[in-house]
């Protein structure tokens, strides 16, 4: 199985570029339009697509992403359909895909079976928001990764000892939060991003990418100057909400200046 994440970051490093990672909710506003959005992001130059599994109780998400999950669920998206969406995307594109999800839908599907099926469809990594790695290790049913890289989440409030634990166990890349709170909450990225990244990098063998609160090219460039990659989610999802008849075009117009800003940073 190709290691698309490692290859992507190696190519970026060799060309002196930073990664742009785009988050969308799978199936928002429906299956076909979501697939078009994924293809549009890939064609624009997004280096990685983070795909949120629609879930009825997304505790770490702000209202924008909660409503996106609700739209996707009402459009008939299920965990199995998310895997179908990945498979359809892989017919034409090789852009890495990371799944952003909670334990409940994965556990309901079957933890090991989900990892196997998602990897077979073409997913590359998974970020399980509410499954700490040290807790997962205590349950044999929650240890089967079957081809998906385990992305770790590190917050500004994570204690130094735990930063080391999480960074050392991370695969693919580390998702560092620019600030605390839920996704899409009001506020710009923290001014302390450089210090946050510097506290993680000595313990990590994978790139450190930063997300939360990034919504314009200036913010994207600021974060790219300190991190290995920039993650933009709610601001993109908002475009889908506002332009449900033609979301791919709206996402393209909004996201291109952010990608250009990230790619201009050396």
Protein backbone atom coordinates (compact mmCIF):
# COMPACT_ATOMS: atom_id res chain seq x y z
CA UNK A 1 0.00 0.00 0.00
CA UNK A 2 1.44 3.41 -0.95
CA UNK A 3 2.32 5.79 1.89
CA UNK A 4 0.72 8.83 0.34
CA UNK A 5 1.15 10.99 3.46
CA UNK A 6 4.89 10.35 3.73
CA UNK A 7 5.38 10.88 0.01
CA UNK A 8 3.42 14.13 0.07
CA UNK A 9 5.39 15.61 2.95
CA UNK A 10 8.71 14.42 1.47
CA UNK A 11 7.89 16.13 -1.83
CA UNK A 12 6.87 19.31 -0.04
CA UNK A 13 10.07 19.34 2.00
CA UNK A 14 12.24 18.82 -1.07
CA UNK A 15 10.55 21.76 -2.80
CA UNK A 16 10.64 23.99 0.29
CA UNK A 17 6.85 24.20 0.52
CA UNK A 18 4.35 23.92 3.37
CA UNK A 19 1.28 21.67 3.35
CA UNK A 20 -2.27 22.88 2.90
CA UNK A 21 -4.82 20.56 4.50
CA UNK A 22 -8.53 21.12 3.81
CA UNK A 23 -11.33 19.76 5.98
CA UNK A 24 -14.85 19.06 4.74
CA UNK A 25 -17.72 16.99 6.08
CA UNK A 26 -18.22 13.85 4.01
CA UNK A 27 -21.51 13.99 2.17
CA UNK A 28 -22.19 17.68 2.74
CA UNK A 29 -24.51 18.80 1.20
CA UNK A 30 -24.90 15.41 -0.55
CA UNK A 31 -22.76 12.58 -1.88
CA UNK A 32 -22.21 13.83 -5.43
CA UNK A 33 -21.54 17.46 -4.49
CA UNK A 34 -19.18 16.34 -1.74
CA UNK A 35 -17.24 14.28 -4.27
CA UNK A 36 -17.05 17.32 -6.56
CA UNK A 37 -15.73 19.42 -3.66
CA UNK A 38 -13.04 16.83 -2.91
CA UNK A 39 -11.93 16.76 -6.53
CA UNK A 40 -11.95 20.56 -6.71
CA UNK A 41 -9.75 20.85 -3.61
CA UNK A 42 -7.32 18.29 -4.99
CA UNK A 43 -7.15 20.02 -8.37
CA UNK A 44 -6.58 23.38 -6.64
CA UNK A 45 -3.48 22.02 -4.92
CA UNK A 46 -4.69 20.96 -1.48
CA UNK A 47 -2.04 18.51 -0.30
CA UNK A 48 -4.28 16.51 2.03
CA UNK A 49 -8.06 16.29 2.43
CA UNK A 50 -9.42 15.79 5.91
CA UNK A 51 -12.80 14.11 5.70
CA UNK A 52 -15.18 14.34 8.64
CA UNK A 53 -17.48 11.38 9.29
CA UNK A 54 -21.00 12.70 9.87
CA UNK A 55 -22.01 11.99 13.46
CA UNK A 56 -25.05 13.04 15.48
CA UNK A 57 -23.10 14.13 18.57
CA UNK A 58 -19.87 15.87 17.45
CA UNK A 59 -18.84 17.34 20.80
CA UNK A 60 -15.57 18.92 19.64
CA UNK A 61 -17.15 20.67 16.68
CA UNK A 62 -18.55 24.17 16.56
CA UNK A 63 -21.89 25.03 15.02
CA UNK A 64 -20.62 25.27 11.43
CA UNK A 65 -19.31 21.70 11.40
CA UNK A 66 -22.24 20.42 13.46
CA UNK A 67 -24.65 21.74 10.85
CA UNK A 68 -22.53 20.23 8.07
CA UNK A 69 -22.76 16.82 9.73
CA UNK A 70 -26.51 17.28 10.09
CA UNK A 71 -26.90 18.14 6.40
CA UNK A 72 -24.87 15.08 5.42
CA UNK A 73 -26.86 12.76 7.67
CA UNK A 74 -30.15 14.12 6.32
CA UNK A 75 -28.82 13.53 2.78
CA UNK A 76 -28.40 9.85 3.61
CA UNK A 77 -24.71 9.65 4.48
CA UNK A 78 -23.64 6.71 6.61
CA UNK A 79 -20.23 5.44 7.66
CA UNK A 80 -20.38 2.89 4.83
CA UNK A 81 -21.24 5.66 2.35
CA UNK A 82 -18.20 7.64 3.49
CA UNK A 83 -16.08 4.66 2.48
CA UNK A 84 -17.90 4.63 -0.87
CA UNK A 85 -17.08 8.34 -1.23
CA UNK A 86 -13.38 7.67 -0.68
CA UNK A 87 -13.48 4.84 -3.21
CA UNK A 88 -15.13 7.10 -5.79
CA UNK A 89 -12.52 9.83 -5.22
CA UNK A 90 -9.72 7.30 -5.69
CA UNK A 91 -10.94 6.53 -9.19
CA UNK A 92 -9.44 9.83 -10.34
CA UNK A 93 -7.22 11.30 -7.59
CA UNK A 94 -4.30 10.30 -5.34
CA UNK A 95 -4.46 13.19 -2.84
CA UNK A 96 -4.08 11.72 0.68
CA UNK A 97 -7.24 11.44 2.78
CA UNK A 98 -7.35 11.59 6.58
CA UNK A 99 -10.55 10.69 8.40
CA UNK A 100 -11.62 12.97 11.23
CA UNK A 101 -14.05 11.17 13.49
CA UNK A 102 -15.27 10.12 16.89
CA UNK A 103 -15.09 6.60 18.29
CA UNK A 104 -18.83 5.93 18.26
CA UNK A 105 -19.44 5.53 14.48
CA UNK A 106 -16.19 3.58 14.05
CA UNK A 107 -16.94 1.27 16.98
CA UNK A 108 -20.50 0.74 15.74
CA UNK A 109 -19.21 -0.22 12.29
CA UNK A 110 -16.61 -2.51 13.86
CA UNK A 111 -13.29 -0.96 14.84
CA UNK A 112 -10.96 -3.34 13.01
CA UNK A 113 -13.33 -3.76 10.07
CA UNK A 114 -13.65 0.00 9.63
CA UNK A 115 -9.89 0.48 9.54
CA UNK A 116 -9.54 -2.34 7.03
CA UNK A 117 -12.36 -1.15 4.76
CA UNK A 118 -11.35 2.53 4.88
CA UNK A 119 -7.74 1.71 4.05
CA UNK A 120 -8.80 -0.63 1.25
CA UNK A 121 -10.98 2.15 -0.20
CA UNK A 122 -8.02 4.54 -0.21
CA UNK A 123 -7.98 6.40 3.11
CA UNK A 124 -4.55 7.10 4.53
CA UNK A 125 -4.96 8.20 8.13
CA UNK A 126 -7.42 8.63 10.96
CA UNK A 127 -7.81 11.11 13.79
CA UNK A 128 -10.05 9.69 16.51
CA UNK A 129 -10.92 12.73 18.56
CA UNK A 130 -12.16 10.99 21.68
CA UNK A 131 -9.87 7.95 21.86
CA UNK A 132 -6.64 8.72 23.75
CA UNK A 133 -3.84 6.39 22.57
CA UNK A 134 -2.99 5.22 26.08
CA UNK A 135 -6.65 4.29 26.64
CA UNK A 136 -6.84 2.47 23.31
CA UNK A 137 -3.85 0.36 24.33
CA UNK A 138 -5.86 -1.01 27.26
CA UNK A 139 -8.49 -2.53 24.96
CA UNK A 140 -7.47 -5.14 22.41
CA UNK A 141 -10.56 -4.34 20.33
CA UNK A 142 -9.28 -0.78 19.78
CA UNK A 143 -5.74 -1.48 18.64
CA UNK A 144 -6.24 -2.73 15.07
CA UNK A 145 -5.05 -0.01 12.69
CA UNK A 146 -4.97 -2.06 9.46
CA UNK A 147 -3.24 0.44 7.22
CA UNK A 148 -4.45 3.81 8.54
CA UNK A 149 -1.89 6.18 10.06
CA UNK A 150 -2.81 7.38 13.54
CA UNK A 151 -2.89 11.18 13.55
CA UNK A 152 -2.45 12.74 17.01
CA UNK A 153 -4.07 15.91 18.30
CA UNK A 154 -2.06 18.22 20.58
CA UNK A 155 -3.51 21.34 22.23
CA UNK A 156 -1.76 24.38 23.72
CA UNK A 157 -2.90 23.12 27.14
CA UNK A 158 -1.49 19.60 26.72
CA UNK A 159 1.06 18.98 29.53
CA UNK A 160 4.70 18.59 28.39
CA UNK A 161 4.87 14.93 29.38
CA UNK A 162 1.79 14.14 27.36
CA UNK A 163 3.03 16.20 24.40
CA UNK A 164 6.03 13.89 24.31
CA UNK A 165 3.84 10.76 24.52
CA UNK A 166 1.51 11.92 21.78
CA UNK A 167 4.26 13.20 19.50
CA UNK A 168 6.27 10.01 19.77
CA UNK A 169 3.26 7.87 18.89
CA UNK A 170 2.05 10.03 16.01
CA UNK A 171 2.01 8.78 12.45
CA UNK A 172 1.49 10.73 9.24
CA UNK A 173 1.49 14.16 10.89
CA UNK A 174 0.52 15.89 14.12
CA UNK A 175 -2.56 18.10 14.28
CA UNK A 176 -1.62 20.93 16.65
CA UNK A 177 -4.44 23.20 17.77
CA UNK A 178 -3.65 26.89 17.43
CA UNK A 179 -5.87 27.55 20.44
CA UNK A 180 -8.33 25.77 22.69
CA UNK A 181 -12.07 25.47 22.09
CA UNK A 182 -14.32 23.80 19.53
CA UNK A 183 -13.86 23.98 15.78
CA UNK A 184 -15.02 27.18 14.14
CA UNK A 185 -15.22 29.21 17.35
CA UNK A 186 -14.66 32.91 16.90
CA UNK A 187 -11.11 34.15 17.13
CA UNK A 188 -7.93 34.16 15.11
CA UNK A 189 -5.06 31.71 15.54
CA UNK A 190 -2.94 32.21 18.62
CA UNK A 191 0.14 34.39 18.40
CA UNK A 192 2.05 31.63 20.23
CA UNK A 193 1.99 29.11 17.39
CA UNK A 194 5.76 29.18 16.89
CA UNK A 195 6.31 28.28 20.56
CA UNK A 196 3.71 25.52 20.36
CA UNK A 197 5.30 23.97 17.29
CA UNK A 198 8.77 24.28 18.84
CA UNK A 199 7.58 22.41 21.93
CA UNK A 200 6.34 19.49 19.80
CA UNK A 201 8.97 19.10 17.08
CA UNK A 202 11.84 17.72 19.24
CA UNK A 203 9.65 14.72 20.12
CA UNK A 204 8.11 14.11 16.70
CA UNK A 205 9.30 12.10 13.73
CA UNK A 206 6.45 13.47 11.58
CA UNK A 207 5.47 16.98 10.44
CA UNK A 208 3.57 19.33 12.76
CA UNK A 209 0.55 20.98 11.13
CA UNK A 210 -1.62 23.63 12.77
CA UNK A 211 -5.35 24.27 12.57
CA UNK A 212 -8.25 26.10 14.31
CA UNK A 213 -9.31 29.66 13.59
CA UNK A 214 -7.66 30.08 10.18
CA UNK A 215 -9.99 31.81 7.75
CA UNK A 216 -8.02 34.17 5.50
CA UNK A 217 -4.76 34.24 3.51
CA UNK A 218 -2.93 36.43 6.05
CA UNK A 219 -3.64 34.00 8.88
CA UNK A 220 -2.73 31.04 6.67
CA UNK A 221 0.63 32.58 5.80
CA UNK A 222 1.34 33.40 9.44
CA UNK A 223 0.73 29.81 10.50
CA UNK A 224 2.69 28.40 7.56
CA UNK A 225 5.71 30.44 8.63
CA UNK A 226 5.81 28.52 11.93
CA UNK A 227 4.46 25.07 11.07
CA UNK A 228 4.94 22.32 8.50
CA UNK A 229 1.37 22.67 7.32
CA UNK A 230 -1.86 24.65 7.68
CA UNK A 231 -5.28 23.09 8.33
CA UNK A 232 -8.41 24.98 7.33
CA UNK A 233 -11.82 23.52 8.12
CA UNK A 234 -14.80 25.54 9.29
CA UNK A 235 -14.10 28.44 6.95
CA UNK A 236 -14.30 26.05 3.97
CA UNK A 237 -17.35 24.24 5.36
CA UNK A 238 -19.07 27.62 5.74
CA UNK A 239 -18.80 28.11 1.98
CA UNK A 240 -20.65 24.84 1.46
CA UNK A 241 -23.37 26.02 3.82
CA UNK A 242 -23.74 29.35 2.02
CA UNK A 243 -23.66 27.93 -1.53
CA UNK A 244 -25.38 24.56 -1.43
CA UNK A 245 -26.46 24.77 -5.08
CA UNK A 246 -22.87 25.11 -6.34
CA UNK A 247 -20.57 24.42 -3.38
CA UNK A 248 -17.54 23.26 -5.36
CA UNK A 249 -17.25 26.59 -7.18
CA UNK A 250 -17.62 28.54 -3.93
CA UNK A 251 -15.02 26.36 -2.21
CA UNK A 252 -12.65 26.88 -5.14
CA UNK A 253 -12.97 30.66 -5.11
CA UNK A 254 -12.56 30.88 -1.34
CA UNK A 255 -9.75 28.35 -0.92
CA UNK A 256 -7.43 29.26 -3.78
CA UNK A 257 -6.12 32.47 -2.12
CA UNK A 258 -5.41 30.51 1.08
CA UNK A 259 -3.49 27.81 -0.79
CA UNK A 260 -1.56 30.47 -2.68
CA UNK A 261 -0.66 32.18 0.62
CA UNK A 262 0.60 28.94 2.16
CA UNK A 263 2.62 28.04 -0.92
CA UNK A 264 4.27 31.46 -0.94
CA UNK A 265 5.88 30.78 2.44
CA UNK A 266 9.36 29.30 2.39
